Amino acid sequence: MRDVATTRYHDRHPFNVRMHEGTLAPAELRRWITNRFHYQRHIPVKDALILAKFEDPALRRTWLRRIVDHDGVREGEGGIERWLRLGEAAGLDRELLWSAEDVLPGVRLAVDGYVNFCRLRSPLEAVAASLTELSAPGLMRTRIAAFEYHYPWIEAEGLAYFRTRVGQGGRDSAEALDLVKRWARTREEQERAVAALTFKCEVLWSLLDAVDGAETP
């Protein structure tokens, strides 16, 4: 699982590499923020679908925290709000982000594929797919440094989402990995868990393929 999360993670995608090298034009960065928001807004949706598969109330309470992390407990809080503020810091209108008017077809397909995977597959596979979070803290640290150095035109307050996910990603991945190790007892179950994580890596890679291949207006 750790090998897949390292070797197949989207930090290796050419678009992410260029982002962290500081060579993206403002329009390219805004296009990424816009399309990535379509993924971000569906994170609590997929987590609600996963939560509904759990029979253990204690496990449901633990997983519920992930939804709260993104939706907040009241208006103006949570990861989705922080991503909207990133968009505003980059010069995007939050109403346009919510409208999804500029979301690319390939991004819609990738996000729908992931949501439906979590809807239809087993609890083991759905949880295993979330383990791209094993690599997320490192990516967030790299991204914060890159944005601060290469893209100073983005207001510092807009980086709050990345800062928050460093801790959340480490905590969430540890919990999910523990579940996968406890549930995947047979060789077949272990292979399905690895395949689920591989699929999730492909979803994130496909999202960036769509963003990278789009023409800048």
N, C-alpha and C. Protein backbone atom coordinates (compact mmCIF):
# COMPACT_ATOMS: atom_id res chain seq x y z
N MET A 1 0.83 -1.20 0.00
CA MET A 1 0.00 0.00 0.00
C MET A 1 0.87 1.26 0.00
N ARG A 2 1.90 1.25 0.81
CA ARG A 2 2.79 2.42 0.86
C ARG A 2 3.54 2.60 -0.45
N ASP A 3 3.90 1.49 -1.07
CA ASP A 3 4.61 1.57 -2.35
C ASP A 3 3.72 2.19 -3.42
N VAL A 4 2.46 1.76 -3.49
CA VAL A 4 1.53 2.34 -4.47
C VAL A 4 1.33 3.82 -4.20
N ALA A 5 1.14 4.17 -2.93
CA ALA A 5 0.90 5.57 -2.57
C ALA A 5 2.10 6.46 -2.88
N THR A 6 3.27 5.85 -2.98
CA THR A 6 4.48 6.62 -3.30
C THR A 6 4.75 6.66 -4.80
N THR A 7 4.74 5.48 -5.44
CA THR A 7 5.15 5.40 -6.84
C THR A 7 4.07 5.81 -7.83
N ARG A 8 2.79 5.73 -7.41
CA ARG A 8 1.69 6.05 -8.33
C ARG A 8 1.02 7.38 -7.98
N TYR A 9 1.52 8.08 -6.99
CA TYR A 9 0.86 9.31 -6.53
C TYR A 9 1.02 10.42 -7.56
N HIS A 10 0.07 11.34 -7.54
CA HIS A 10 0.03 12.37 -8.59
C HIS A 10 1.03 13.50 -8.38
N ASP A 11 1.85 13.42 -7.34
CA ASP A 11 2.91 14.43 -7.21
C ASP A 11 3.93 14.29 -8.34
N ARG A 12 3.95 13.13 -9.00
CA ARG A 12 4.86 12.89 -10.11
C ARG A 12 4.30 13.35 -11.46
N HIS A 13 3.05 13.73 -11.47
CA HIS A 13 2.44 14.18 -12.73
C HIS A 13 3.15 15.43 -13.23
N PRO A 14 3.37 15.55 -14.55
CA PRO A 14 4.08 16.72 -15.08
C PRO A 14 3.46 18.05 -14.67
N PHE A 15 2.14 18.10 -14.55
CA PHE A 15 1.50 19.36 -14.15
C PHE A 15 1.87 19.73 -12.73
N ASN A 16 1.83 18.74 -11.82
CA ASN A 16 2.24 19.01 -10.44
C ASN A 16 3.71 19.38 -10.35
N VAL A 17 4.53 18.71 -11.14
CA VAL A 17 5.96 19.03 -11.15
C VAL A 17 6.18 20.48 -11.57
N ARG A 18 5.49 20.90 -12.63
CA ARG A 18 5.63 22.28 -13.09
C ARG A 18 5.08 23.27 -12.07
N MET A 19 4.00 22.88 -11.40
CA MET A 19 3.44 23.74 -10.35
C MET A 19 4.48 24.01 -9.27
N HIS A 20 5.13 22.94 -8.83
CA HIS A 20 6.07 23.08 -7.73
C HIS A 20 7.40 23.68 -8.16
N GLU A 21 7.69 23.63 -9.45
CA GLU A 21 8.87 24.31 -9.96
C GLU A 21 8.62 25.79 -10.20
N GLY A 22 7.36 26.19 -10.14
CA GLY A 22 7.02 27.61 -10.28
C GLY A 22 6.87 28.09 -11.70
N THR A 23 6.61 27.16 -12.65
CA THR A 23 6.54 27.55 -14.06
C THR A 23 5.12 27.69 -14.60
N LEU A 24 4.11 27.51 -13.76
CA LEU A 24 2.74 27.67 -14.23
C LEU A 24 2.38 29.14 -14.39
N ALA A 25 1.66 29.44 -15.45
CA ALA A 25 1.12 30.78 -15.64
C ALA A 25 -0.08 30.96 -14.72
N PRO A 26 -0.42 32.19 -14.37
CA PRO A 26 -1.59 32.41 -13.51
C PRO A 26 -2.86 31.73 -14.02
N ALA A 27 -3.08 31.77 -15.34
CA ALA A 27 -4.29 31.16 -15.89
C ALA A 27 -4.29 29.64 -15.69
N GLU A 28 -3.10 29.03 -15.78
CA GLU A 28 -3.01 27.59 -15.56
C GLU A 28 -3.29 27.24 -14.10
N LEU A 29 -2.78 28.04 -13.20
CA LEU A 29 -3.00 27.78 -11.78
C LEU A 29 -4.48 27.96 -11.43
N ARG A 30 -5.08 28.97 -11.99
CA ARG A 30 -6.52 29.19 -11.74
C ARG A 30 -7.35 28.04 -12.32
N ARG A 31 -6.95 27.52 -13.47
CA ARG A 31 -7.67 26.39 -14.06
C ARG A 31 -7.58 25.18 -13.15
N TRP A 32 -6.41 24.95 -12.56
CA TRP A 32 -6.26 23.84 -11.63
C TRP A 32 -7.11 24.03 -10.39
N ILE A 33 -7.09 25.23 -9.81
CA ILE A 33 -7.88 25.50 -8.61
C ILE A 33 -9.36 25.27 -8.89
N THR A 34 -9.83 25.73 -10.04
CA THR A 34 -11.24 25.58 -10.41
C THR A 34 -11.63 24.12 -10.53
N ASN A 35 -10.83 23.35 -11.23
CA ASN A 35 -11.18 21.95 -11.46
C ASN A 35 -10.94 21.08 -10.24
N ARG A 36 -9.91 21.39 -9.48
CA ARG A 36 -9.66 20.63 -8.26
C ARG A 36 -10.79 20.87 -7.25
N PHE A 37 -11.38 22.06 -7.27
CA PHE A 37 -12.50 22.33 -6.35
C PHE A 37 -13.65 21.36 -6.61
N HIS A 38 -13.85 20.97 -7.87
CA HIS A 38 -14.92 20.01 -8.17
C HIS A 38 -14.66 18.69 -7.46
N TYR A 39 -13.40 18.31 -7.33
CA TYR A 39 -13.04 17.12 -6.55
C TYR A 39 -13.23 17.39 -5.06
N GLN A 40 -12.75 18.53 -4.58
CA GLN A 40 -12.83 18.85 -3.15
C GLN A 40 -14.26 18.84 -2.63
N ARG A 41 -15.18 19.38 -3.41
CA ARG A 41 -16.56 19.48 -2.94
C ARG A 41 -17.23 18.12 -2.85
N HIS A 42 -16.66 17.12 -3.53
CA HIS A 42 -17.23 15.78 -3.48
C HIS A 42 -16.57 14.88 -2.43
N ILE A 43 -15.55 15.37 -1.75
CA ILE A 43 -14.91 14.56 -0.72
C ILE A 43 -15.90 14.19 0.40
N PRO A 44 -16.66 15.14 0.97
CA PRO A 44 -17.61 14.73 2.00
C PRO A 44 -18.74 13.85 1.46
N VAL A 45 -19.03 13.95 0.17
CA VAL A 45 -20.04 13.08 -0.44
C VAL A 45 -19.56 11.63 -0.43
N LYS A 46 -18.32 11.41 -0.89
CA LYS A 46 -17.79 10.04 -0.90
C LYS A 46 -17.61 9.52 0.52
N ASP A 47 -17.24 10.40 1.46
CA ASP A 47 -17.08 9.95 2.84
C ASP A 47 -18.42 9.59 3.48
N ALA A 48 -19.49 10.28 3.08
CA ALA A 48 -20.83 9.91 3.57
C ALA A 48 -21.24 8.54 3.04
N LEU A 49 -20.87 8.26 1.80
CA LEU A 49 -21.17 6.95 1.22
C LEU A 49 -20.38 5.85 1.93
N ILE A 50 -19.15 6.12 2.28
CA ILE A 50 -18.34 5.15 3.01
C ILE A 50 -18.91 4.94 4.41
N LEU A 51 -19.23 6.03 5.09
CA LEU A 51 -19.77 5.96 6.45
C LEU A 51 -21.03 5.09 6.50
N ALA A 52 -21.86 5.19 5.46
CA ALA A 52 -23.12 4.44 5.43
C ALA A 52 -22.89 2.94 5.34
N LYS A 53 -21.68 2.51 5.00
CA LYS A 53 -21.38 1.08 4.91
C LYS A 53 -20.99 0.47 6.25
N PHE A 54 -20.69 1.31 7.24
CA PHE A 54 -20.19 0.81 8.53
C PHE A 54 -21.34 0.43 9.44
N GLU A 55 -21.22 -0.73 10.08
CA GLU A 55 -22.22 -1.16 11.04
C GLU A 55 -21.87 -0.75 12.47
N ASP A 56 -20.61 -0.45 12.72
CA ASP A 56 -20.14 -0.12 14.06
C ASP A 56 -20.34 1.37 14.33
N PRO A 57 -21.14 1.76 15.32
CA PRO A 57 -21.36 3.18 15.62
C PRO A 57 -20.06 3.92 15.94
N ALA A 58 -19.14 3.28 16.64
CA ALA A 58 -17.88 3.94 16.98
C ALA A 58 -17.09 4.27 15.71
N LEU A 59 -17.10 3.37 14.75
CA LEU A 59 -16.41 3.61 13.50
C LEU A 59 -17.10 4.71 12.70
N ARG A 60 -18.43 4.73 12.74
CA ARG A 60 -19.16 5.81 12.05
C ARG A 60 -18.82 7.16 12.66
N ARG A 61 -18.71 7.22 14.00
CA ARG A 61 -18.38 8.49 14.64
C ARG A 61 -16.99 8.95 14.22
N THR A 62 -16.06 8.01 14.13
CA THR A 62 -14.69 8.37 13.72
C THR A 62 -14.67 8.89 12.30
N TRP A 63 -15.36 8.19 11.39
CA TRP A 63 -15.34 8.59 9.99
C TRP A 63 -16.13 9.89 9.77
N LEU A 64 -17.12 10.13 10.60
CA LEU A 64 -17.91 11.35 10.48
C LEU A 64 -17.04 12.60 10.60
N ARG A 65 -15.96 12.51 11.36
CA ARG A 65 -15.06 13.65 11.52
C ARG A 65 -14.52 14.13 10.17
N ARG A 66 -14.32 13.21 9.23
CA ARG A 66 -13.82 13.59 7.91
C ARG A 66 -14.81 14.50 7.18
N ILE A 67 -16.08 14.19 7.33
CA ILE A 67 -17.10 15.04 6.70
C ILE A 67 -17.10 16.42 7.34
N VAL A 68 -17.03 16.44 8.66
CA VAL A 68 -16.99 17.72 9.38
C VAL A 68 -15.75 18.52 8.99
N ASP A 69 -14.61 17.83 8.80
CA ASP A 69 -13.38 18.52 8.42
C ASP A 69 -13.59 19.32 7.13
N HIS A 70 -14.36 18.80 6.21
CA HIS A 70 -14.54 19.48 4.93
C HIS A 70 -15.77 20.39 4.91
N ASP A 71 -16.84 19.97 5.57
CA ASP A 71 -18.06 20.79 5.57
C ASP A 71 -18.10 21.82 6.69
N GLY A 72 -17.32 21.59 7.75
CA GLY A 72 -17.38 22.46 8.91
C GLY A 72 -18.62 22.15 9.74
N VAL A 73 -18.73 22.78 10.89
CA VAL A 73 -19.92 22.61 11.72
C VAL A 73 -20.87 23.79 11.57
N ARG A 74 -20.40 24.83 10.90
CA ARG A 74 -21.26 25.98 10.62
C ARG A 74 -20.74 26.68 9.36
N GLU A 75 -21.53 27.59 8.87
CA GLU A 75 -21.18 28.34 7.66
C GLU A 75 -19.84 29.05 7.83
N GLY A 76 -19.00 29.00 6.81
CA GLY A 76 -17.72 29.70 6.85
C GLY A 76 -16.58 28.89 7.43
N GLU A 77 -16.81 27.60 7.70
CA GLU A 77 -15.77 26.74 8.25
C GLU A 77 -15.53 25.55 7.33
N GLY A 78 -14.43 24.85 7.53
CA GLY A 78 -14.17 23.59 6.86
C GLY A 78 -13.29 23.71 5.63
N GLY A 79 -12.88 22.54 5.13
CA GLY A 79 -11.95 22.49 4.02
C GLY A 79 -12.50 23.05 2.72
N ILE A 80 -13.79 22.85 2.48
CA ILE A 80 -14.39 23.40 1.25
C ILE A 80 -14.33 24.92 1.29
N GLU A 81 -14.64 25.50 2.42
CA GLU A 81 -14.55 26.95 2.56
C GLU A 81 -13.12 27.43 2.37
N ARG A 82 -12.16 26.70 2.92
CA ARG A 82 -10.76 27.10 2.76
C ARG A 82 -10.33 27.02 1.30
N TRP A 83 -10.86 26.05 0.55
CA TRP A 83 -10.52 25.98 -0.87
C TRP A 83 -11.14 27.15 -1.64
N LEU A 84 -12.34 27.52 -1.28
CA LEU A 84 -12.97 28.70 -1.89
C LEU A 84 -12.14 29.95 -1.63
N ARG A 85 -11.57 30.04 -0.45
CA ARG A 85 -10.72 31.19 -0.13
C ARG A 85 -9.42 31.15 -0.91
N LEU A 86 -8.93 29.94 -1.19
CA LEU A 86 -7.76 29.82 -2.07
C LEU A 86 -8.11 30.37 -3.45
N GLY A 87 -9.28 30.01 -3.95
CA GLY A 87 -9.71 30.53 -5.24
C GLY A 87 -9.80 32.04 -5.24
N GLU A 88 -10.37 32.60 -4.20
CA GLU A 88 -10.49 34.06 -4.11
C GLU A 88 -9.11 34.70 -4.04
N ALA A 89 -8.18 34.07 -3.30
CA ALA A 89 -6.83 34.62 -3.20
C ALA A 89 -6.12 34.60 -4.55
N ALA A 90 -6.54 33.69 -5.43
CA ALA A 90 -5.96 33.60 -6.77
C ALA A 90 -6.73 34.42 -7.81
N GLY A 91 -7.76 35.13 -7.34
CA GLY A 91 -8.51 36.00 -8.25
C GLY A 91 -9.75 35.38 -8.86
N LEU A 92 -10.24 34.28 -8.27
CA LEU A 92 -11.44 33.62 -8.79
C LEU A 92 -12.65 33.98 -7.94
N ASP A 93 -13.80 33.99 -8.57
CA ASP A 93 -15.05 34.28 -7.88
C ASP A 93 -15.63 32.99 -7.30
N ARG A 94 -16.01 33.00 -6.04
CA ARG A 94 -16.50 31.77 -5.42
C ARG A 94 -17.80 31.29 -6.05
N GLU A 95 -18.62 32.20 -6.54
CA GLU A 95 -19.86 31.78 -7.19
C GLU A 95 -19.56 31.00 -8.47
N LEU A 96 -18.52 31.41 -9.18
CA LEU A 96 -18.12 30.69 -10.38
C LEU A 96 -17.62 29.29 -10.01
N LEU A 97 -16.87 29.18 -8.92
CA LEU A 97 -16.41 27.88 -8.48
C LEU A 97 -17.58 26.97 -8.14
N TRP A 98 -18.55 27.48 -7.43
CA TRP A 98 -19.72 26.68 -7.05
C TRP A 98 -20.54 26.29 -8.28
N SER A 99 -20.56 27.13 -9.28
CA SER A 99 -21.39 26.86 -10.46
C SER A 99 -20.87 25.67 -11.27
N ALA A 100 -19.58 25.39 -11.17
CA ALA A 100 -18.93 24.31 -11.93
C ALA A 100 -19.00 24.53 -13.43
N GLU A 101 -19.23 25.76 -13.87
CA GLU A 101 -19.34 26.05 -15.30
C GLU A 101 -18.05 25.76 -16.05
N ASP A 102 -16.92 25.98 -15.39
CA ASP A 102 -15.63 25.83 -16.06
C ASP A 102 -14.95 24.49 -15.77
N VAL A 103 -15.68 23.56 -15.17
CA VAL A 103 -15.10 22.25 -14.88
C VAL A 103 -15.00 21.44 -16.17
N LEU A 104 -13.85 20.86 -16.41
CA LEU A 104 -13.60 20.11 -17.64
C LEU A 104 -14.31 18.76 -17.63
N PRO A 105 -14.74 18.27 -18.80
CA PRO A 105 -15.42 16.97 -18.87
C PRO A 105 -14.61 15.83 -18.27
N GLY A 106 -13.31 15.82 -18.53
CA GLY A 106 -12.47 14.76 -17.98
C GLY A 106 -12.42 14.77 -16.47
N VAL A 107 -12.48 15.96 -15.89
CA VAL A 107 -12.50 16.08 -14.43
C VAL A 107 -13.82 15.56 -13.88
N ARG A 108 -14.92 15.91 -14.53
CA ARG A 108 -16.23 15.42 -14.09
C ARG A 108 -16.26 13.89 -14.11
N LEU A 109 -15.72 13.29 -15.17
CA LEU A 109 -15.71 11.83 -15.27
C LEU A 109 -14.85 11.20 -14.18
N ALA A 110 -13.69 11.78 -13.92
CA ALA A 110 -12.81 11.24 -12.88
C ALA A 110 -13.46 11.30 -11.51
N VAL A 111 -14.07 12.43 -11.19
CA VAL A 111 -14.71 12.60 -9.88
C VAL A 111 -15.92 11.68 -9.75
N ASP A 112 -16.74 11.62 -10.79
CA ASP A 112 -17.90 10.72 -10.76
C ASP A 112 -17.46 9.27 -10.58
N GLY A 113 -16.36 8.91 -11.25
CA GLY A 113 -15.87 7.55 -11.12
C GLY A 113 -15.47 7.21 -9.71
N TYR A 114 -14.83 8.16 -9.03
CA TYR A 114 -14.41 7.92 -7.65
C TYR A 114 -15.60 7.85 -6.70
N VAL A 115 -16.55 8.77 -6.86
CA VAL A 115 -17.73 8.76 -6.00
C VAL A 115 -18.51 7.45 -6.17
N ASN A 116 -18.68 7.01 -7.41
CA ASN A 116 -19.41 5.77 -7.66
C ASN A 116 -18.64 4.55 -7.17
N PHE A 117 -17.32 4.60 -7.21
CA PHE A 117 -16.51 3.53 -6.64
C PHE A 117 -16.82 3.39 -5.15
N CYS A 118 -16.84 4.51 -4.44
CA CYS A 118 -17.14 4.47 -3.00
C CYS A 118 -18.58 4.07 -2.73
N ARG A 119 -19.47 4.36 -3.67
CA ARG A 119 -20.88 3.99 -3.52
C ARG A 119 -21.08 2.48 -3.68
N LEU A 120 -20.36 1.88 -4.63
CA LEU A 120 -20.67 0.52 -5.06
C LEU A 120 -19.74 -0.56 -4.49
N ARG A 121 -18.53 -0.21 -4.11
CA ARG A 121 -17.57 -1.22 -3.67
C ARG A 121 -17.69 -1.51 -2.18
N SER A 122 -16.95 -2.49 -1.74
CA SER A 122 -16.98 -2.93 -0.34
C SER A 122 -16.37 -1.87 0.57
N PRO A 123 -16.67 -1.94 1.88
CA PRO A 123 -16.03 -1.01 2.82
C PRO A 123 -14.51 -1.08 2.74
N LEU A 124 -13.96 -2.28 2.61
CA LEU A 124 -12.51 -2.43 2.51
C LEU A 124 -11.97 -1.64 1.33
N GLU A 125 -12.56 -1.81 0.16
CA GLU A 125 -12.06 -1.14 -1.03
C GLU A 125 -12.25 0.37 -0.95
N ALA A 126 -13.38 0.80 -0.42
CA ALA A 126 -13.64 2.23 -0.32
C ALA A 126 -12.65 2.91 0.62
N VAL A 127 -12.37 2.27 1.74
CA VAL A 127 -11.41 2.83 2.70
C VAL A 127 -10.00 2.78 2.11
N ALA A 128 -9.65 1.67 1.46
CA ALA A 128 -8.32 1.54 0.88
C ALA A 128 -8.06 2.61 -0.16
N ALA A 129 -9.10 2.96 -0.92
CA ALA A 129 -8.95 3.99 -1.96
C ALA A 129 -8.58 5.34 -1.37
N SER A 130 -8.95 5.57 -0.11
CA SER A 130 -8.65 6.87 0.52
C SER A 130 -7.19 7.01 0.90
N LEU A 131 -6.42 5.93 0.77
CA LEU A 131 -5.06 5.95 1.31
C LEU A 131 -4.03 6.68 0.45
N THR A 132 -4.48 7.38 -0.57
CA THR A 132 -3.58 8.36 -1.18
C THR A 132 -3.15 9.38 -0.13
N GLU A 133 -3.90 9.46 0.96
CA GLU A 133 -3.56 10.37 2.05
C GLU A 133 -2.22 10.02 2.70
N LEU A 134 -1.72 8.81 2.45
CA LEU A 134 -0.40 8.46 2.98
C LEU A 134 0.67 9.42 2.47
N SER A 135 0.48 9.90 1.24
CA SER A 135 1.48 10.79 0.64
C SER A 135 1.07 12.26 0.70
N ALA A 136 -0.14 12.54 1.16
CA ALA A 136 -0.65 13.91 1.13
C ALA A 136 0.14 14.88 2.01
N PRO A 137 0.51 14.54 3.26
CA PRO A 137 1.23 15.52 4.08
C PRO A 137 2.51 16.04 3.42
N GLY A 138 3.27 15.12 2.83
CA GLY A 138 4.50 15.55 2.16
C GLY A 138 4.23 16.46 0.99
N LEU A 139 3.18 16.12 0.23
CA LEU A 139 2.81 16.96 -0.91
C LEU A 139 2.38 18.35 -0.44
N MET A 140 1.62 18.41 0.65
CA MET A 140 1.15 19.70 1.15
C MET A 140 2.34 20.57 1.58
N ARG A 141 3.32 19.99 2.21
CA ARG A 141 4.49 20.77 2.63
C ARG A 141 5.24 21.32 1.41
N THR A 142 5.39 20.47 0.40
CA THR A 142 6.05 20.91 -0.83
C THR A 142 5.26 22.03 -1.49
N ARG A 143 3.95 21.87 -1.51
CA ARG A 143 3.09 22.86 -2.18
C ARG A 143 3.12 24.20 -1.45
N ILE A 144 3.08 24.18 -0.14
CA ILE A 144 3.12 25.43 0.62
C ILE A 144 4.40 26.20 0.29
N ALA A 145 5.53 25.49 0.33
CA ALA A 145 6.81 26.14 0.03
C ALA A 145 6.84 26.68 -1.39
N ALA A 146 6.30 25.92 -2.34
CA ALA A 146 6.29 26.34 -3.74
C ALA A 146 5.42 27.57 -3.94
N PHE A 147 4.25 27.57 -3.34
CA PHE A 147 3.35 28.72 -3.51
C PHE A 147 3.94 29.97 -2.88
N GLU A 148 4.50 29.83 -1.69
CA GLU A 148 5.07 30.99 -1.02
C GLU A 148 6.23 31.58 -1.83
N TYR A 149 7.02 30.73 -2.45
CA TYR A 149 8.21 31.20 -3.16
C TYR A 149 7.90 31.64 -4.59
N HIS A 150 7.13 30.83 -5.32
CA HIS A 150 6.93 31.07 -6.74
C HIS A 150 5.69 31.88 -7.09
N TYR A 151 4.69 31.84 -6.22
CA TYR A 151 3.42 32.50 -6.55
C TYR A 151 3.02 33.49 -5.45
N PRO A 152 3.86 34.47 -5.18
CA PRO A 152 3.56 35.42 -4.09
C PRO A 152 2.34 36.28 -4.37
N TRP A 153 1.87 36.28 -5.62
CA TRP A 153 0.67 37.05 -5.96
C TRP A 153 -0.59 36.43 -5.36
N ILE A 154 -0.49 35.19 -4.90
CA ILE A 154 -1.61 34.57 -4.19
C ILE A 154 -1.49 34.92 -2.71
N GLU A 155 -2.51 35.52 -2.16
CA GLU A 155 -2.48 35.96 -0.77
C GLU A 155 -2.21 34.78 0.17
N ALA A 156 -1.38 35.01 1.17
CA ALA A 156 -0.95 33.95 2.09
C ALA A 156 -2.12 33.26 2.78
N GLU A 157 -3.20 34.01 3.05
CA GLU A 157 -4.35 33.42 3.72
C GLU A 157 -4.98 32.32 2.89
N GLY A 158 -4.76 32.37 1.57
CA GLY A 158 -5.34 31.37 0.68
C GLY A 158 -4.72 29.99 0.81
N LEU A 159 -3.58 29.89 1.51
CA LEU A 159 -2.90 28.61 1.66
C LEU A 159 -3.35 27.84 2.89
N ALA A 160 -4.39 28.31 3.55
CA ALA A 160 -4.84 27.68 4.80
C ALA A 160 -5.25 26.23 4.59
N TYR A 161 -5.86 25.91 3.43
CA TYR A 161 -6.26 24.53 3.19
C TYR A 161 -5.06 23.60 3.23
N PHE A 162 -3.98 23.98 2.55
CA PHE A 162 -2.79 23.13 2.51
C PHE A 162 -2.21 22.93 3.90
N ARG A 163 -2.16 24.00 4.67
CA ARG A 163 -1.58 23.92 6.03
C ARG A 163 -2.40 22.97 6.91
N THR A 164 -3.70 23.05 6.82
CA THR A 164 -4.57 22.22 7.65
C THR A 164 -4.45 20.75 7.28
N ARG A 165 -4.31 20.46 5.98
CA ARG A 165 -4.29 19.08 5.53
C ARG A 165 -3.00 18.33 5.91
N VAL A 166 -1.95 19.04 6.28
CA VAL A 166 -0.73 18.35 6.71
C VAL A 166 -1.04 17.46 7.91
N GLY A 167 -1.70 18.02 8.92
CA GLY A 167 -2.04 17.25 10.10
C GLY A 167 -3.19 16.30 9.88
N GLN A 168 -4.22 16.77 9.19
CA GLN A 168 -5.40 15.93 8.96
C GLN A 168 -5.05 14.71 8.11
N GLY A 169 -4.24 14.90 7.09
CA GLY A 169 -3.88 13.79 6.22
C GLY A 169 -3.11 12.71 6.94
N GLY A 170 -2.19 13.12 7.81
CA GLY A 170 -1.44 12.14 8.59
C GLY A 170 -2.32 11.35 9.53
N ARG A 171 -3.23 12.03 10.19
CA ARG A 171 -4.16 11.36 11.12
C ARG A 171 -5.10 10.42 10.38
N ASP A 172 -5.70 10.91 9.29
CA ASP A 172 -6.68 10.11 8.56
C ASP A 172 -6.05 8.89 7.91
N SER A 173 -4.86 9.05 7.35
CA SER A 173 -4.22 7.92 6.69
C SER A 173 -3.83 6.83 7.70
N ALA A 174 -3.41 7.23 8.89
CA ALA A 174 -3.06 6.25 9.92
C ALA A 174 -4.29 5.44 10.33
N GLU A 175 -5.42 6.11 10.48
CA GLU A 175 -6.66 5.42 10.86
C GLU A 175 -7.12 4.48 9.75
N ALA A 176 -7.09 4.96 8.51
CA ALA A 176 -7.56 4.13 7.40
C ALA A 176 -6.65 2.94 7.16
N LEU A 177 -5.33 3.15 7.28
CA LEU A 177 -4.40 2.05 7.08
C LEU A 177 -4.60 0.97 8.14
N ASP A 178 -4.88 1.38 9.35
CA ASP A 178 -5.15 0.41 10.42
C ASP A 178 -6.37 -0.43 10.09
N LEU A 179 -7.42 0.21 9.56
CA LEU A 179 -8.62 -0.54 9.17
C LEU A 179 -8.31 -1.54 8.06
N VAL A 180 -7.59 -1.10 7.05
CA VAL A 180 -7.28 -1.97 5.92
C VAL A 180 -6.45 -3.17 6.39
N LYS A 181 -5.49 -2.94 7.26
CA LYS A 181 -4.66 -4.05 7.74
C LYS A 181 -5.48 -5.04 8.57
N ARG A 182 -6.47 -4.53 9.29
CA ARG A 182 -7.31 -5.43 10.10
C ARG A 182 -8.31 -6.19 9.24
N TRP A 183 -8.81 -5.56 8.18
CA TRP A 183 -9.86 -6.17 7.36
C TRP A 183 -9.31 -7.07 6.26
N ALA A 184 -8.17 -6.74 5.70
CA ALA A 184 -7.64 -7.49 4.55
C ALA A 184 -6.81 -8.67 5.06
N ARG A 185 -7.49 -9.75 5.39
CA ARG A 185 -6.82 -10.90 6.00
C ARG A 185 -6.37 -11.93 4.97
N THR A 186 -7.11 -12.07 3.87
CA THR A 186 -6.75 -13.06 2.85
C THR A 186 -5.96 -12.38 1.73
N ARG A 187 -5.31 -13.20 0.93
CA ARG A 187 -4.56 -12.67 -0.21
C ARG A 187 -5.48 -11.93 -1.17
N GLU A 188 -6.66 -12.48 -1.41
CA GLU A 188 -7.61 -11.84 -2.32
C GLU A 188 -8.02 -10.46 -1.78
N GLU A 189 -8.31 -10.38 -0.51
CA GLU A 189 -8.69 -9.09 0.09
C GLU A 189 -7.55 -8.09 0.01
N GLN A 190 -6.35 -8.54 0.23
CA GLN A 190 -5.19 -7.65 0.15
C GLN A 190 -5.00 -7.13 -1.27
N GLU A 191 -5.18 -7.99 -2.24
CA GLU A 191 -5.04 -7.57 -3.64
C GLU A 191 -6.13 -6.58 -4.03
N ARG A 192 -7.34 -6.78 -3.51
CA ARG A 192 -8.42 -5.83 -3.79
C ARG A 192 -8.13 -4.48 -3.16
N ALA A 193 -7.52 -4.48 -1.98
CA ALA A 193 -7.17 -3.22 -1.32
C ALA A 193 -6.12 -2.46 -2.13
N VAL A 194 -5.10 -3.18 -2.60
CA VAL A 194 -4.06 -2.55 -3.41
C VAL A 194 -4.65 -2.04 -4.72
N ALA A 195 -5.53 -2.81 -5.34
CA ALA A 195 -6.17 -2.38 -6.59
C ALA A 195 -7.02 -1.13 -6.38
N ALA A 196 -7.68 -1.05 -5.23
CA ALA A 196 -8.50 0.13 -4.94
C ALA A 196 -7.65 1.38 -4.82
N LEU A 197 -6.52 1.25 -4.14
CA LEU A 197 -5.62 2.41 -4.00
C LEU A 197 -5.02 2.79 -5.36
N THR A 198 -4.70 1.79 -6.17
CA THR A 198 -4.19 2.06 -7.51
C THR A 198 -5.23 2.82 -8.33
N PHE A 199 -6.49 2.41 -8.23
CA PHE A 199 -7.57 3.11 -8.92
C PHE A 199 -7.65 4.57 -8.49
N LYS A 200 -7.55 4.81 -7.19
CA LYS A 200 -7.64 6.19 -6.70
C LYS A 200 -6.48 7.02 -7.24
N CYS A 201 -5.29 6.44 -7.28
CA CYS A 201 -4.15 7.16 -7.86
C CYS A 201 -4.43 7.51 -9.32
N GLU A 202 -5.07 6.60 -10.03
CA GLU A 202 -5.39 6.85 -11.43
C GLU A 202 -6.45 7.94 -11.58
N VAL A 203 -7.37 8.02 -10.63
CA VAL A 203 -8.37 9.09 -10.65
C VAL A 203 -7.67 10.45 -10.54
N LEU A 204 -6.78 10.59 -9.58
CA LEU A 204 -6.07 11.86 -9.39
C LEU A 204 -5.18 12.19 -10.58
N TRP A 205 -4.57 11.16 -11.17
CA TRP A 205 -3.72 11.37 -12.35
C TRP A 205 -4.57 11.81 -13.53
N SER A 206 -5.74 11.17 -13.71
CA SER A 206 -6.63 11.53 -14.82
C SER A 206 -7.14 12.96 -14.69
N LEU A 207 -7.41 13.38 -13.45
CA LEU A 207 -7.85 14.75 -13.22
C LEU A 207 -6.79 15.73 -13.72
N LEU A 208 -5.54 15.46 -13.40
CA LEU A 208 -4.47 16.35 -13.84
C LEU A 208 -4.23 16.24 -15.34
N ASP A 209 -4.43 15.06 -15.91
CA ASP A 209 -4.33 14.94 -17.37
C ASP A 209 -5.30 15.90 -18.05
N ALA A 210 -6.52 15.95 -17.54
CA ALA A 210 -7.53 16.83 -18.13
C ALA A 210 -7.15 18.30 -17.99
N VAL A 211 -6.67 18.66 -16.80
CA VAL A 211 -6.28 20.05 -16.56
C VAL A 211 -5.07 20.44 -17.41
N ASP A 212 -4.10 19.52 -17.49
CA ASP A 212 -2.87 19.80 -18.23
C ASP A 212 -3.13 19.89 -19.73
N GLY A 213 -4.09 19.12 -20.22
CA GLY A 213 -4.34 19.10 -21.65
C GLY A 213 -5.28 20.17 -22.16
N ALA A 214 -5.88 20.92 -21.25
CA ALA A 214 -6.83 21.96 -21.66
C ALA A 214 -6.09 23.18 -22.17
N GLU A 215 -6.71 23.88 -23.08
CA GLU A 215 -6.12 25.11 -23.60
C GLU A 215 -6.37 26.27 -22.66
N THR A 216 -5.35 27.07 -22.44
CA THR A 216 -5.50 28.25 -21.61
C THR A 216 -6.25 29.32 -22.39
N PRO A 217 -7.34 29.87 -21.82
CA PRO A 217 -8.11 30.89 -22.54
C PRO A 217 -7.27 32.10 -22.86
